[in-house]
């Protein structure tokens, strides 16, 4: 299924590369040309062109990318500095301590990815509109919705961003919009696109925006409306989540880890996924980011991992006893090669306090510069196959059904802390995790449930902000000002455009 979609996307990328280049060799014999007149003739060709707007999503999981930015700035993930490894001028420590700057590449990377997606959507919308063809209506709506989703992430991460919908706009005329204006734009675009976007859920819509994706993003937008605009929209969040639930298109998998297998494109929980492919669509490199150098022998990897990302000890210890997600999400304990021989950490300084045998310990001795090389539980949520390359085959769930369930539960709970439906939903998710039912819901419990269920899926920071927990003091981090709940605009953007004003705090 995912290979079929990706072939279309690759075809689109090649097409658009040709479409946007001109020939300068006047002596070259031209056998054929791809033009608006002779290419956009069928639905397959429209869908192929759409693929370019989705290729940006492959950059969502990078180093750190959008997903990493959301998780490393939260209580979930930390990237300790181990000697000279993962120092990068202190950027990774600043990301954990929330002391980043407008010049940090880690905070500006997401800006480039998301605005690149917006730009591609604008270009395709412009090209489609030139056709004046009624057949393009559903594809134009799909592009508008995808552009709104990119803007949702920009709204969440950067707040006051420019809204650009004109592909031919003069860069000097671009101005910022307020966070409320961006919120209103995202909502209006999603609602406008909804009727004309397909409601189907099948192989042809996998990895694409359909009505379920739009309603899921609306639920997420409304759930965070009080943060974005100052006005809560709990009822709207509950209703949008219920719309997705009522389709009957999704259900919790019997086994939590089945969602994250190498071949996971058939998951009953995936509403919107990035169809990564180790050969044709790389970029999902969590195994490289988190595993110890010696772990190469555990999985017979074709490369040596980078020994970086690890789980914050307090978060690792926050799981209830019996929660299968603790062991499913993390790798801890003695490490062995594929031949069963105990691995050793026999590298350079800093040395590890428990000696050469490689043991992943939840404890991390310090943030840096001398964090021990084997300290920290490693990210084990996504299956790492024997012989894996740096790029994993696993599809990445941007939006998953368990998230929709928990969003509805939280929205109902926000309106009525004793709501029976909210309690039933939370207990449904807990039961799949091997946990018993609870009699009531608390804010701490809801935040923990979301953190344990959606660990490393890019929701950590957003959830903590909504619960008022993001800027508080925690391990190796002092309390920060509330203005740190949004990131700075890249300094290069401020310098290039006199109309832009930097966010508070920076």
Protein backbone atom coordinates (compact mmCIF):
# COMPACT_ATOMS: atom_id res chain seq x y z
CA UNK A 1 0.00 0.00 0.00
CA UNK A 2 2.62 2.54 1.04
CA UNK A 3 4.92 1.60 -1.83
CA UNK A 4 2.12 2.36 -4.30
CA UNK A 5 1.58 5.79 -2.81
CA UNK A 6 5.25 6.57 -2.74
CA UNK A 7 5.73 5.66 -6.39
CA UNK A 8 3.09 8.28 -7.13
CA UNK A 9 4.87 10.80 -4.95
CA UNK A 10 8.19 10.13 -6.62
CA UNK A 11 6.56 10.49 -10.00
CA UNK A 12 5.20 13.83 -8.87
CA UNK A 13 8.60 14.98 -7.66
CA UNK A 14 10.22 14.09 -10.97
CA UNK A 15 7.41 15.73 -12.88
CA UNK A 16 7.56 18.96 -10.93
CA UNK A 17 11.31 19.09 -11.29
CA UNK A 18 10.84 18.96 -15.07
CA UNK A 19 7.84 21.28 -15.00
CA UNK A 20 9.74 24.06 -13.23
CA UNK A 21 12.93 23.97 -15.30
CA UNK A 22 13.55 25.59 -18.65
CA UNK A 23 15.78 24.30 -21.43
CA UNK A 24 18.82 26.45 -22.19
CA UNK A 25 20.44 24.14 -24.79
CA UNK A 26 18.93 25.37 -28.06
CA UNK A 27 20.62 22.54 -29.97
CA UNK A 28 19.00 19.81 -27.90
CA UNK A 29 16.42 17.70 -29.69
CA UNK A 30 13.20 17.65 -27.65
CA UNK A 31 11.18 14.46 -28.00
CA UNK A 32 8.42 15.37 -25.53
CA UNK A 33 7.43 18.11 -23.13
CA UNK A 34 5.44 18.04 -19.91
CA UNK A 35 3.14 21.05 -19.83
CA UNK A 36 -0.06 22.07 -18.10
CA UNK A 37 -1.92 21.40 -21.35
CA UNK A 38 -0.70 17.86 -21.93
CA UNK A 39 -0.11 16.51 -18.41
CA UNK A 40 -3.14 17.39 -16.26
CA UNK A 41 -5.56 15.18 -18.15
CA UNK A 42 -6.70 12.56 -15.61
CA UNK A 43 -7.27 11.99 -11.90
CA UNK A 44 -4.13 9.87 -11.76
CA UNK A 45 -2.09 12.78 -13.09
CA UNK A 46 -3.67 15.19 -10.60
CA UNK A 47 -2.91 12.79 -7.75
CA UNK A 48 0.64 12.36 -9.01
CA UNK A 49 1.17 16.12 -8.92
CA UNK A 50 -0.31 16.28 -5.42
CA UNK A 51 2.51 14.05 -4.22
CA UNK A 52 5.00 16.92 -4.15
CA UNK A 53 2.98 18.64 -1.42
CA UNK A 54 3.32 15.55 0.76
CA UNK A 55 7.04 14.95 0.30
CA UNK A 56 7.72 17.74 2.80
CA UNK A 57 6.28 15.48 5.49
CA UNK A 58 9.32 13.21 5.21
CA UNK A 59 11.27 16.00 6.90
CA UNK A 60 8.97 16.04 9.94
CA UNK A 61 11.19 13.53 11.68
CA UNK A 62 14.69 14.86 11.43
CA UNK A 63 17.47 16.00 13.73
CA UNK A 64 15.50 17.33 15.42
CA UNK A 65 12.74 18.18 12.91
CA UNK A 66 9.22 18.99 14.02
CA UNK A 67 8.74 15.75 15.98
CA UNK A 68 12.06 16.04 17.80
CA UNK A 69 11.45 19.69 18.63
CA UNK A 70 8.15 18.76 20.25
CA UNK A 71 9.60 15.86 22.26
CA UNK A 72 13.07 17.06 23.30
CA UNK A 73 11.70 20.35 24.62
CA UNK A 74 9.21 18.36 26.73
CA UNK A 75 9.68 16.09 29.76
CA UNK A 76 9.98 13.02 27.51
CA UNK A 77 13.32 13.08 25.68
CA UNK A 78 16.79 14.40 26.41
CA UNK A 79 19.96 14.39 24.32
CA UNK A 80 22.87 14.32 26.81
CA UNK A 81 26.29 15.55 25.79
CA UNK A 82 28.62 12.57 26.09
CA UNK A 83 32.13 13.99 25.79
CA UNK A 84 32.38 15.44 22.31
CA UNK A 85 29.26 13.64 21.09
CA UNK A 86 26.02 15.61 20.71
CA UNK A 87 27.54 18.87 21.88
CA UNK A 88 26.96 21.07 18.82
CA UNK A 89 27.75 24.20 20.77
CA UNK A 90 25.33 23.26 23.55
CA UNK A 91 22.28 23.30 21.25
CA UNK A 92 20.86 19.99 22.54
CA UNK A 93 21.29 21.02 26.16
CA UNK A 94 19.57 24.33 25.45
CA UNK A 95 16.67 22.48 23.86
CA UNK A 96 16.17 20.47 27.07
CA UNK A 97 16.64 23.48 29.34
CA UNK A 98 14.38 25.69 27.21
CA UNK A 99 17.15 28.28 26.82
CA UNK A 100 17.23 28.15 23.02
CA UNK A 101 17.84 31.24 20.90
CA UNK A 102 16.55 32.57 17.61
CA UNK A 103 19.82 31.51 15.98
CA UNK A 104 19.74 27.86 17.05
CA UNK A 105 19.40 25.57 14.01
CA UNK A 106 17.34 23.19 16.16
CA UNK A 107 14.57 25.76 16.57
CA UNK A 108 14.63 27.02 13.00
CA UNK A 109 14.59 23.64 11.26
CA UNK A 110 10.89 23.16 11.77
CA UNK A 111 10.26 26.59 10.27
CA UNK A 112 11.95 25.57 7.04
CA UNK A 113 10.15 22.24 6.81
CA UNK A 114 6.68 23.64 7.44
CA UNK A 115 7.00 26.75 5.29
CA UNK A 116 8.41 24.57 2.53
CA UNK A 117 5.20 22.56 2.69
CA UNK A 118 3.12 25.74 2.53
CA UNK A 119 5.08 27.00 -0.47
CA UNK A 120 4.62 23.76 -2.39
CA UNK A 121 0.89 23.74 -1.68
CA UNK A 122 0.65 27.34 -2.89
CA UNK A 123 2.49 26.47 -6.09
CA UNK A 124 0.25 23.51 -6.86
CA UNK A 125 -2.90 25.44 -6.04
CA UNK A 126 -1.74 28.15 -8.44
CA UNK A 127 -1.07 25.61 -11.19
CA UNK A 128 -4.37 23.79 -10.69
CA UNK A 129 -6.34 27.03 -10.70
CA UNK A 130 -4.88 27.95 -14.09
CA UNK A 131 -6.64 24.93 -15.58
CA UNK A 132 -10.12 26.25 -14.78
CA UNK A 133 -11.23 22.60 -14.68
CA UNK A 134 -14.08 21.47 -12.36
CA UNK A 135 -12.30 18.12 -11.97
CA UNK A 136 -9.64 19.82 -9.87
CA UNK A 137 -12.08 20.85 -7.10
CA UNK A 138 -11.43 17.91 -4.73
CA UNK A 139 -7.68 18.17 -5.31
CA UNK A 140 -7.67 21.92 -4.68
CA UNK A 141 -9.59 21.28 -1.45
CA UNK A 142 -7.10 18.60 -0.45
CA UNK A 143 -4.22 21.01 -1.03
CA UNK A 144 -5.96 23.76 0.96
CA UNK A 145 -6.48 21.33 3.83
CA UNK A 146 -2.88 20.13 3.75
CA UNK A 147 -1.66 23.73 3.69
CA UNK A 148 -3.87 24.43 6.72
CA UNK A 149 -2.29 21.46 8.53
CA UNK A 150 1.18 22.86 7.90
CA UNK A 151 -0.13 26.14 9.29
CA UNK A 152 -1.55 24.32 12.31
CA UNK A 153 1.97 23.21 13.23
CA UNK A 154 3.35 26.71 12.54
CA UNK A 155 0.61 28.16 14.76
CA UNK A 156 1.44 25.70 17.53
CA UNK A 157 5.23 26.09 17.39
CA UNK A 158 5.81 29.71 16.39
CA UNK A 159 2.52 31.50 17.07
CA UNK A 160 2.66 34.78 15.16
CA UNK A 161 3.50 33.72 11.64
CA UNK A 162 2.82 35.18 8.18
CA UNK A 163 -0.13 33.75 6.26
CA UNK A 164 0.87 33.39 2.62
CA UNK A 165 -1.60 31.95 0.10
CA UNK A 166 -0.35 33.66 -3.09
CA UNK A 167 2.40 31.77 -4.90
CA UNK A 168 3.51 34.93 -6.74
CA UNK A 169 3.56 37.21 -3.70
CA UNK A 170 6.33 39.79 -3.33
CA UNK A 171 8.41 38.66 -0.35
CA UNK A 172 8.88 42.25 0.82
CA UNK A 173 5.13 42.66 1.22
CA UNK A 174 4.67 39.67 3.55
CA UNK A 175 3.53 40.61 7.04
CA UNK A 176 2.96 38.62 10.22
CA UNK A 177 -0.44 37.62 11.50
CA UNK A 178 -1.39 37.28 15.14
CA UNK A 179 -1.76 33.83 16.63
CA UNK A 180 -5.54 34.30 16.76
CA UNK A 181 -5.61 35.26 13.08
CA UNK A 182 -3.62 32.15 12.18
CA UNK A 183 -6.00 30.04 14.28
CA UNK A 184 -8.99 31.53 12.44
CA UNK A 185 -7.32 30.89 9.09
CA UNK A 186 -6.59 27.24 9.88
CA UNK A 187 -10.13 26.65 11.09
CA UNK A 188 -11.78 28.36 8.11
CA UNK A 189 -9.59 26.58 5.56
CA UNK A 190 -10.22 23.16 7.07
CA UNK A 191 -13.97 23.73 7.26
CA UNK A 192 -14.08 25.08 3.70
CA UNK A 193 -12.17 22.08 2.35
CA UNK A 194 -14.10 19.46 4.30
CA UNK A 195 -17.13 18.95 2.00
CA UNK A 196 -15.07 18.46 -1.16
CA UNK A 197 -12.32 16.24 0.27
CA UNK A 198 -12.93 12.52 -0.02
CA UNK A 199 -14.51 10.69 2.90
CA UNK A 200 -13.03 7.39 1.74
CA UNK A 201 -10.53 5.45 3.82
CA UNK A 202 -8.71 2.94 1.64
CA UNK A 203 -5.42 2.33 -0.11
CA UNK A 204 -5.89 5.36 -2.34
CA UNK A 205 -6.16 7.72 0.64
CA UNK A 206 -3.44 6.24 2.85
CA UNK A 207 -0.97 8.97 3.70
CA UNK A 208 -3.27 11.63 2.22
CA UNK A 209 -5.73 14.11 3.67
CA UNK A 210 -9.31 12.86 3.81
CA UNK A 211 -12.27 14.00 5.90
CA UNK A 212 -11.09 11.98 8.91
CA UNK A 213 -7.74 13.76 8.86
CA UNK A 214 -9.43 17.16 8.70
CA UNK A 215 -11.74 16.36 11.62
CA UNK A 216 -8.80 15.06 13.65
CA UNK A 217 -6.85 18.28 13.09
CA UNK A 218 -9.95 20.30 13.97
CA UNK A 219 -10.22 18.35 17.23
CA UNK A 220 -6.58 19.13 17.99
CA UNK A 221 -7.02 22.78 17.03
CA UNK A 222 -10.06 23.15 19.29
CA UNK A 223 -8.46 21.23 22.15
CA UNK A 224 -5.67 23.82 22.23
CA UNK A 225 -7.84 26.83 21.38
CA UNK A 226 -7.50 28.37 24.85
CA UNK A 227 -3.71 28.34 24.49
CA UNK A 228 -3.84 29.77 20.97
CA UNK A 229 -6.58 32.39 21.34
CA UNK A 230 -7.50 32.69 25.03
CA UNK A 231 -10.95 31.18 24.42
CA UNK A 232 -11.62 27.51 25.19
CA UNK A 233 -13.47 25.37 22.63
CA UNK A 234 -13.93 22.11 24.55
CA UNK A 235 -17.36 21.31 23.08
CA UNK A 236 -16.07 21.74 19.54
CA UNK A 237 -13.07 19.52 20.32
CA UNK A 238 -15.29 16.79 21.71
CA UNK A 239 -17.62 17.00 18.71
CA UNK A 240 -14.82 16.85 16.12
CA UNK A 241 -13.26 13.84 17.83
CA UNK A 242 -16.65 12.15 18.01
CA UNK A 243 -17.13 12.67 14.27
CA UNK A 244 -13.99 10.61 13.63
CA UNK A 245 -14.99 7.97 16.16
CA UNK A 246 -18.48 7.68 14.64
CA UNK A 247 -17.19 6.75 11.19
CA UNK A 248 -16.34 3.25 12.36
CA UNK A 249 -13.18 3.46 10.25
CA UNK A 250 -10.81 2.98 13.18
CA UNK A 251 -10.29 0.95 16.33
CA UNK A 252 -7.59 0.23 18.88
CA UNK A 253 -5.27 -2.55 17.82
CA UNK A 254 -5.25 -5.57 20.12
CA UNK A 255 -1.51 -5.13 20.67
CA UNK A 256 -0.13 -1.64 21.30
CA UNK A 257 3.20 -2.41 19.60
CA UNK A 258 1.54 -3.54 16.37
CA UNK A 259 1.12 0.15 15.52
CA UNK A 260 4.87 0.58 15.34
CA UNK A 261 6.08 -2.54 13.54
CA UNK A 262 8.26 -2.24 10.48
CA UNK A 263 5.30 -3.26 8.34
CA UNK A 264 2.61 -1.15 10.02
CA UNK A 265 0.74 0.42 7.11
CA UNK A 266 -2.29 -1.75 7.90
CA UNK A 267 -2.76 -0.38 11.43
CA UNK A 268 -6.42 0.17 12.32
CA UNK A 269 -5.37 3.26 14.28
CA UNK A 270 -3.59 5.26 11.60
CA UNK A 271 -5.58 8.30 10.51
CA UNK A 272 -2.69 10.19 8.91
CA UNK A 273 0.73 8.61 8.52
CA UNK A 274 4.03 9.37 6.83
CA UNK A 275 4.79 6.33 4.60
CA UNK A 276 8.52 6.10 5.17
CA UNK A 277 10.52 3.64 3.10
CA UNK A 278 14.13 2.67 3.81
CA UNK A 279 15.02 2.83 0.11
CA UNK A 280 12.73 5.38 -1.51
CA UNK A 281 11.55 7.62 1.33
CA UNK A 282 14.18 7.91 4.03
CA UNK A 283 14.27 10.24 6.99
CA UNK A 284 12.94 8.15 9.86
CA UNK A 285 16.22 7.65 11.73
CA UNK A 286 15.19 7.13 15.36
CA UNK A 287 17.29 3.94 15.57
CA UNK A 288 20.38 5.91 14.59
CA UNK A 289 19.60 8.75 16.96
CA UNK A 290 19.02 6.68 20.08
CA UNK A 291 21.03 3.44 19.99
CA UNK A 292 24.54 3.04 21.45
CA UNK A 293 27.43 2.53 19.04
CA UNK A 294 27.73 -1.10 20.15
CA UNK A 295 24.03 -1.70 19.44
CA UNK A 296 25.04 -2.23 15.85
CA UNK A 297 25.80 -5.81 16.88
CA UNK A 298 22.41 -6.27 18.58
CA UNK A 299 20.47 -5.72 15.36
CA UNK A 300 23.26 -6.43 12.82
CA UNK A 301 22.75 -2.90 11.56
CA UNK A 302 24.37 -1.77 8.34
CA UNK A 303 25.74 1.35 10.10
CA UNK A 304 26.93 2.42 13.55
CA UNK A 305 24.30 4.32 15.61
CA UNK A 306 24.97 7.76 17.05
CA UNK A 307 24.25 7.23 20.79
CA UNK A 308 22.14 10.32 21.40
CA UNK A 309 18.46 10.52 22.25
CA UNK A 310 17.30 8.98 25.53
CA UNK A 311 14.27 9.09 27.82
CA UNK A 312 14.25 11.45 30.80
CA UNK A 313 14.50 9.28 33.93
CA UNK A 314 11.52 10.89 35.68
CA UNK A 315 9.31 10.19 32.70
CA UNK A 316 10.51 6.60 32.45
CA UNK A 317 9.62 6.12 36.13
CA UNK A 318 6.17 7.70 35.73
CA UNK A 319 4.60 4.54 34.24
CA UNK A 320 2.37 2.52 36.53
CA UNK A 321 3.45 -0.98 37.42
CA UNK A 322 2.12 -3.38 34.79
CA UNK A 323 1.88 -0.77 32.00
CA UNK A 324 3.13 -2.66 28.96
CA UNK A 325 3.97 0.62 27.26
CA UNK A 326 6.99 1.13 29.51
CA UNK A 327 8.83 -1.84 28.06
CA UNK A 328 7.30 -1.35 24.61
CA UNK A 329 8.47 2.26 24.39
CA UNK A 330 11.95 1.86 25.87
CA UNK A 331 15.06 -0.31 25.77
CA UNK A 332 16.78 -0.85 29.13
CA UNK A 333 19.01 -3.38 30.85
CA UNK A 334 21.99 -5.51 29.73
CA UNK A 335 22.62 -5.45 25.98
CA UNK A 336 23.66 -8.40 23.85
CA UNK A 337 24.77 -9.00 20.30
CA UNK A 338 22.66 -11.01 17.90
CA UNK A 339 24.90 -13.96 18.77
CA UNK A 340 23.90 -13.73 22.44
CA UNK A 341 27.28 -12.40 23.61
CA UNK A 342 27.16 -9.58 26.16
CA UNK A 343 28.16 -6.26 24.60
CA UNK A 344 30.78 -4.00 26.10
CA UNK A 345 31.14 -0.23 26.11
CA UNK A 346 34.89 -0.03 25.61
CA UNK A 347 35.14 3.43 24.11
CA UNK A 348 36.85 6.63 25.12
CA UNK A 349 35.98 8.93 27.99
CA UNK A 350 33.64 9.58 29.68
CA UNK A 351 33.72 6.15 31.27
CA UNK A 352 30.60 4.50 32.58
CA UNK A 353 30.21 4.02 36.33
CA UNK A 354 29.13 0.38 36.09
CA UNK A 355 32.03 -0.73 33.92
CA UNK A 356 32.51 -2.04 30.38
CA UNK A 357 29.44 -4.36 30.12
CA UNK A 358 26.84 -2.35 28.18
CA UNK A 359 23.70 -1.72 30.27
CA UNK A 360 21.10 0.90 29.44
CA UNK A 361 20.16 2.44 32.77
CA UNK A 362 17.17 4.78 33.20
CA UNK A 363 19.43 6.97 35.33
CA UNK A 364 21.44 9.67 33.57
CA UNK A 365 24.33 11.05 35.60
CA UNK A 366 24.21 14.53 34.07
CA UNK A 367 22.96 16.49 31.09
CA UNK A 368 26.53 17.16 29.99
CA UNK A 369 29.27 17.52 29.11
CA UNK A 370 30.21 14.20 30.71
CA UNK A 371 27.04 12.12 30.53
CA UNK A 372 27.96 8.45 30.52
CA UNK A 373 27.60 6.71 27.21
CA UNK A 374 25.23 3.95 28.34
CA UNK A 375 23.07 6.12 30.59
CA UNK A 376 19.44 6.61 29.66
CA UNK A 377 16.64 4.32 28.52
CA UNK A 378 16.63 4.23 24.72
CA UNK A 379 13.69 4.69 22.39
CA UNK A 380 12.37 1.24 21.52
CA UNK A 381 8.85 2.10 20.41
CA UNK A 382 9.42 1.54 16.70
CA UNK A 383 10.51 -1.94 15.63
CA UNK A 384 14.13 -2.19 14.53
CA UNK A 385 14.55 -5.12 12.18
CA UNK A 386 17.66 -7.25 11.96
CA UNK A 387 19.92 -5.81 9.29
CA UNK A 388 18.18 -2.43 9.36
CA UNK A 389 19.70 0.56 7.63
CA UNK A 390 19.95 4.06 9.03
CA UNK A 391 16.49 4.72 7.56
CA UNK A 392 13.63 2.67 8.96
CA UNK A 393 10.74 1.21 6.98
CA UNK A 394 8.13 1.93 9.68
CA UNK A 395 5.38 4.39 8.79
CA UNK A 396 5.08 7.25 11.28
CA UNK A 397 1.65 8.08 12.78
CA UNK A 398 1.10 11.83 12.69
CA UNK A 399 -2.46 11.30 13.96
CA UNK A 400 -3.66 8.08 15.53
CA UNK A 401 -7.03 6.83 16.78
CA UNK A 402 -5.86 6.50 20.39
CA UNK A 403 -5.09 10.23 20.30
CA UNK A 404 -8.62 10.96 19.06
CA UNK A 405 -10.07 8.90 21.92
CA UNK A 406 -7.99 10.72 24.51
CA UNK A 407 -8.79 14.12 22.97
CA UNK A 408 -12.52 13.46 23.31
CA UNK A 409 -12.05 12.19 26.85
CA UNK A 410 -10.09 15.27 27.85
CA UNK A 411 -12.54 17.69 26.23
CA UNK A 412 -15.47 16.04 28.03
CA UNK A 413 -13.52 16.04 31.30
CA UNK A 414 -12.70 19.74 30.91
CA UNK A 415 -16.43 20.49 30.72
CA UNK A 416 -17.39 18.04 33.48
CA UNK A 417 -14.75 16.33 35.62
CA UNK A 418 -17.22 13.56 36.44
CA UNK A 419 -18.21 12.78 32.86
CA UNK A 420 -18.85 9.04 32.53
CA UNK A 421 -17.99 8.83 28.83
CA UNK A 422 -14.61 10.45 29.46
CA UNK A 423 -13.86 7.92 32.19
CA UNK A 424 -14.92 5.00 29.99
CA UNK A 425 -12.65 6.15 27.15
CA UNK A 426 -9.62 6.54 29.41
CA UNK A 427 -10.23 3.09 30.88
CA UNK A 428 -10.54 1.65 27.37
CA UNK A 429 -7.05 2.90 26.50
CA UNK A 430 -5.69 1.77 29.86
CA UNK A 431 -7.11 -1.73 29.41
CA UNK A 432 -5.21 -2.17 26.15
CA UNK A 433 -2.07 -1.26 28.11
CA UNK A 434 -2.64 -3.95 30.74
CA UNK A 435 -3.87 -1.55 33.41
CA UNK A 436 -6.94 -1.72 35.59
CA UNK A 437 -9.79 0.77 35.49
CA UNK A 438 -9.68 3.98 37.51
CA UNK A 439 -12.67 5.44 39.31
CA UNK A 440 -11.98 9.06 38.45
CA UNK A 441 -9.80 11.20 36.21
CA UNK A 442 -7.31 13.83 37.33
CA UNK A 443 -5.28 16.31 35.28
CA UNK A 444 -2.05 14.53 36.20
CA UNK A 445 -3.49 11.21 35.12
CA UNK A 446 -4.70 12.57 31.78
CA UNK A 447 -1.33 14.11 31.01
CA UNK A 448 0.46 10.90 31.97
CA UNK A 449 -1.94 8.79 29.91
CA UNK A 450 -1.32 10.90 26.83
CA UNK A 451 2.43 10.89 27.46
CA UNK A 452 2.67 7.13 27.85
CA UNK A 453 0.37 6.36 24.92
CA UNK A 454 1.69 8.97 22.47
CA UNK A 455 5.36 8.97 23.47
CA UNK A 456 7.60 10.05 20.58
CA UNK A 457 4.67 10.86 18.29
CA UNK A 458 5.18 14.64 18.46
CA UNK A 459 2.57 15.73 21.03
CA UNK A 460 4.60 16.08 24.22
CA UNK A 461 5.27 19.82 24.21
CA UNK A 462 1.76 20.77 23.08
CA UNK A 463 0.14 18.64 25.77
CA UNK A 464 2.35 19.99 28.56
CA UNK A 465 1.58 23.58 27.56
CA UNK A 466 -2.16 22.88 27.64
CA UNK A 467 -1.85 21.39 31.14
CA UNK A 468 0.33 24.27 32.36
CA UNK A 469 3.37 22.06 32.94
CA UNK A 470 5.75 22.91 30.10
CA UNK A 471 7.92 25.64 31.62
CA UNK A 472 8.14 24.24 35.16
CA UNK A 473 11.44 23.15 36.71
CA UNK A 474 12.48 19.52 36.28
CA UNK A 475 15.62 17.42 36.03
CA UNK A 476 18.59 19.51 34.83
CA UNK A 477 16.24 22.36 33.97
CA UNK A 478 15.19 25.51 35.80
CA UNK A 479 11.70 27.00 35.52
CA UNK A 480 11.30 29.26 32.48
CA UNK A 481 9.09 32.20 31.56
CA UNK A 482 5.70 31.40 30.03
CA UNK A 483 6.76 33.10 26.80
CA UNK A 484 8.94 30.04 26.16
CA UNK A 485 5.77 28.16 25.21
CA UNK A 486 6.39 29.38 21.66
CA UNK A 487 9.67 29.25 19.81
CA UNK A 488 11.43 32.24 18.27
CA UNK A 489 11.14 32.99 14.60
CA UNK A 490 14.49 32.25 12.95
CA UNK A 491 16.73 35.30 13.25
CA UNK A 492 17.44 35.10 9.53
CA UNK A 493 13.73 35.75 8.86
CA UNK A 494 13.69 38.75 11.19
CA UNK A 495 16.80 40.16 9.53
CA UNK A 496 15.42 39.64 6.02
CA UNK A 497 12.00 41.21 6.50
CA UNK A 498 11.48 44.54 8.25
CA UNK A 499 7.80 43.70 8.68
CA UNK A 500 8.53 40.84 11.10
CA UNK A 501 8.64 41.27 14.86
CA UNK A 502 10.32 38.64 17.05
CA UNK A 503 8.23 36.71 19.55
CA UNK A 504 8.44 37.76 23.23
CA UNK A 505 11.35 36.29 25.23
CA UNK A 506 13.77 36.55 22.34
